[in-house]
């Protein structure tokens, strides 16, 4: 898998979870679901940052 594609997938996953979480909050949905989605977003952001840092390291080596 190309490193560019890996970074794109990681960022897209963060964006999708963010949109679902915001949509749930805006329509007045289940607060527990919103909280879980926002926690998942933070976790995915962490993973995305690790992937980006790994790609930058890999390309500089």
N, C-alpha and C. Protein backbone atom coordinates (compact mmCIF):
# COMPACT_ATOMS: atom_id res chain seq x y z
N UNK A 1 0.85 -1.18 0.00
CA UNK A 1 0.00 0.00 0.00
C UNK A 1 0.89 1.23 0.00
N UNK A 2 0.56 2.17 -0.84
CA UNK A 2 1.34 3.40 -0.93
C UNK A 2 1.19 4.20 0.36
N UNK A 3 2.27 4.86 0.74
CA UNK A 3 2.23 5.65 1.98
C UNK A 3 1.26 6.82 1.85
N UNK A 4 1.15 7.39 0.63
CA UNK A 4 0.18 8.47 0.43
C UNK A 4 -1.24 7.99 0.67
N UNK A 5 -1.55 6.80 0.19
CA UNK A 5 -2.88 6.24 0.37
C UNK A 5 -3.14 5.94 1.84
N UNK A 6 -2.14 5.46 2.55
CA UNK A 6 -2.29 5.17 3.97
C UNK A 6 -2.60 6.44 4.76
N UNK A 7 -1.92 7.52 4.46
CA UNK A 7 -2.18 8.80 5.12
C UNK A 7 -3.58 9.29 4.78
N UNK A 8 -3.96 9.16 3.52
CA UNK A 8 -5.29 9.59 3.09
C UNK A 8 -6.39 8.81 3.80
N UNK A 9 -6.22 7.52 3.92
CA UNK A 9 -7.22 6.69 4.60
C UNK A 9 -7.32 7.07 6.07
N UNK A 10 -6.20 7.30 6.71
CA UNK A 10 -6.21 7.67 8.13
C UNK A 10 -6.92 9.01 8.34
N UNK A 11 -6.64 9.98 7.48
CA UNK A 11 -7.28 11.29 7.61
C UNK A 11 -8.77 11.21 7.27
N UNK A 12 -9.12 10.40 6.29
CA UNK A 12 -10.53 10.24 5.94
C UNK A 12 -11.30 9.58 7.07
N UNK A 13 -10.69 8.62 7.75
CA UNK A 13 -11.35 7.97 8.88
C UNK A 13 -11.65 8.97 9.99
N UNK A 14 -10.71 9.86 10.25
CA UNK A 14 -10.92 10.90 11.26
C UNK A 14 -12.07 11.80 10.84
N UNK A 15 -12.09 12.21 9.58
CA UNK A 15 -13.13 13.11 9.09
C UNK A 15 -14.51 12.46 9.15
N UNK A 16 -14.59 11.19 8.79
CA UNK A 16 -15.89 10.50 8.79
C UNK A 16 -16.44 10.40 10.21
N UNK A 17 -15.61 10.02 11.15
CA UNK A 17 -16.07 9.90 12.54
C UNK A 17 -16.45 11.27 13.09
N UNK A 18 -15.70 12.30 12.73
CA UNK A 18 -16.03 13.66 13.16
C UNK A 18 -17.40 14.08 12.63
N UNK A 19 -17.65 13.85 11.36
CA UNK A 19 -18.94 14.23 10.76
C UNK A 19 -20.09 13.47 11.42
N UNK A 20 -19.92 12.16 11.63
CA UNK A 20 -20.97 11.38 12.30
C UNK A 20 -21.22 11.89 13.72
N UNK A 21 -20.17 12.19 14.45
CA UNK A 21 -20.33 12.69 15.81
C UNK A 21 -21.01 14.04 15.86
N UNK A 22 -20.62 14.94 14.96
CA UNK A 22 -21.25 16.26 14.92
C UNK A 22 -22.71 16.17 14.47
N UNK A 23 -22.98 15.32 13.49
CA UNK A 23 -24.36 15.15 13.04
C UNK A 23 -25.24 14.61 14.15
N UNK A 24 -24.72 13.68 14.92
CA UNK A 24 -25.49 13.12 16.04
C UNK A 24 -25.76 14.19 17.09
N UNK A 25 -24.78 15.03 17.37
CA UNK A 25 -24.99 16.09 18.36
C UNK A 25 -25.97 17.14 17.85
N UNK A 26 -25.87 17.50 16.58
CA UNK A 26 -26.73 18.55 16.02
C UNK A 26 -28.20 18.13 15.99
N UNK A 27 -28.48 16.87 15.77
CA UNK A 27 -29.87 16.42 15.70
C UNK A 27 -30.40 16.04 17.08
N UNK A 28 -29.57 16.19 18.09
CA UNK A 28 -30.02 15.90 19.45
C UNK A 28 -30.08 14.41 19.73
N UNK A 29 -29.18 13.67 19.16
CA UNK A 29 -29.16 12.21 19.33
C UNK A 29 -28.63 11.80 20.70
N UNK A 30 -28.36 10.55 20.83
CA UNK A 30 -27.89 9.95 22.08
C UNK A 30 -26.55 10.58 22.49
N UNK A 31 -26.49 11.14 23.68
CA UNK A 31 -25.28 11.79 24.16
C UNK A 31 -24.15 10.79 24.35
N UNK A 32 -24.48 9.57 24.76
CA UNK A 32 -23.44 8.56 24.94
C UNK A 32 -22.79 8.19 23.62
N UNK A 33 -23.58 8.11 22.55
CA UNK A 33 -23.03 7.82 21.23
C UNK A 33 -22.11 8.95 20.77
N UNK A 34 -22.52 10.18 20.99
CA UNK A 34 -21.68 11.32 20.63
C UNK A 34 -20.35 11.28 21.37
N UNK A 35 -20.41 10.96 22.65
CA UNK A 35 -19.19 10.88 23.46
C UNK A 35 -18.27 9.77 22.94
N UNK A 36 -18.83 8.62 22.61
CA UNK A 36 -18.02 7.52 22.08
C UNK A 36 -17.40 7.88 20.74
N UNK A 37 -18.17 8.56 19.89
CA UNK A 37 -17.65 8.95 18.59
C UNK A 37 -16.52 9.97 18.73
N UNK A 38 -16.65 10.89 19.65
CA UNK A 38 -15.59 11.89 19.84
C UNK A 38 -14.34 11.25 20.44
N UNK A 39 -14.52 10.27 21.30
CA UNK A 39 -13.36 9.54 21.82
C UNK A 39 -12.68 8.73 20.73
N UNK A 40 -13.48 8.12 19.86
CA UNK A 40 -12.93 7.39 18.72
C UNK A 40 -12.18 8.33 17.79
N UNK A 41 -12.71 9.54 17.62
CA UNK A 41 -12.04 10.54 16.77
C UNK A 41 -10.67 10.88 17.33
N UNK A 42 -10.57 11.07 18.62
CA UNK A 42 -9.28 11.39 19.24
C UNK A 42 -8.30 10.23 19.04
N UNK A 43 -8.77 9.01 19.22
CA UNK A 43 -7.92 7.85 19.00
C UNK A 43 -7.45 7.77 17.54
N UNK A 44 -8.36 7.99 16.62
CA UNK A 44 -8.00 7.96 15.20
C UNK A 44 -7.04 9.09 14.83
N UNK A 45 -7.21 10.24 15.46
CA UNK A 45 -6.26 11.33 15.22
C UNK A 45 -4.86 10.94 15.69
N UNK A 46 -4.78 10.28 16.82
CA UNK A 46 -3.49 9.82 17.33
C UNK A 46 -2.84 8.84 16.35
N UNK A 47 -3.64 7.90 15.86
CA UNK A 47 -3.14 6.92 14.90
C UNK A 47 -2.70 7.62 13.61
N UNK A 48 -3.50 8.59 13.15
CA UNK A 48 -3.16 9.31 11.92
C UNK A 48 -1.85 10.08 12.08
N UNK A 49 -1.65 10.69 13.23
CA UNK A 49 -0.40 11.42 13.47
C UNK A 49 0.78 10.46 13.49
N UNK A 50 0.61 9.30 14.11
CA UNK A 50 1.68 8.31 14.11
C UNK A 50 2.01 7.85 12.68
N UNK A 51 0.98 7.64 11.88
CA UNK A 51 1.20 7.22 10.49
C UNK A 51 1.92 8.31 9.72
N UNK A 52 1.49 9.54 9.87
CA UNK A 52 2.13 10.66 9.17
C UNK A 52 3.59 10.80 9.59
N UNK A 53 3.85 10.69 10.89
CA UNK A 53 5.23 10.79 11.38
C UNK A 53 6.06 9.63 10.83
N UNK A 54 5.48 8.44 10.77
CA UNK A 54 6.19 7.29 10.23
C UNK A 54 6.50 7.46 8.76
N UNK A 55 5.57 8.00 8.00
CA UNK A 55 5.81 8.23 6.57
C UNK A 55 6.90 9.27 6.37
N UNK A 56 6.86 10.34 7.15
CA UNK A 56 7.90 11.37 7.04
C UNK A 56 9.26 10.77 7.39
N UNK A 57 9.32 9.97 8.44
CA UNK A 57 10.58 9.33 8.83
C UNK A 57 11.07 8.39 7.74
N UNK A 58 10.15 7.58 7.20
CA UNK A 58 10.49 6.61 6.17
C UNK A 58 11.06 7.30 4.92
N UNK A 59 10.46 8.41 4.53
CA UNK A 59 10.89 9.12 3.33
C UNK A 59 12.22 9.87 3.54
N UNK A 60 12.50 10.23 4.77
CA UNK A 60 13.75 10.96 5.03
C UNK A 60 14.95 10.02 5.17
N UNK A 61 14.67 8.76 5.39
CA UNK A 61 15.76 7.79 5.60
C UNK A 61 16.40 7.37 4.30
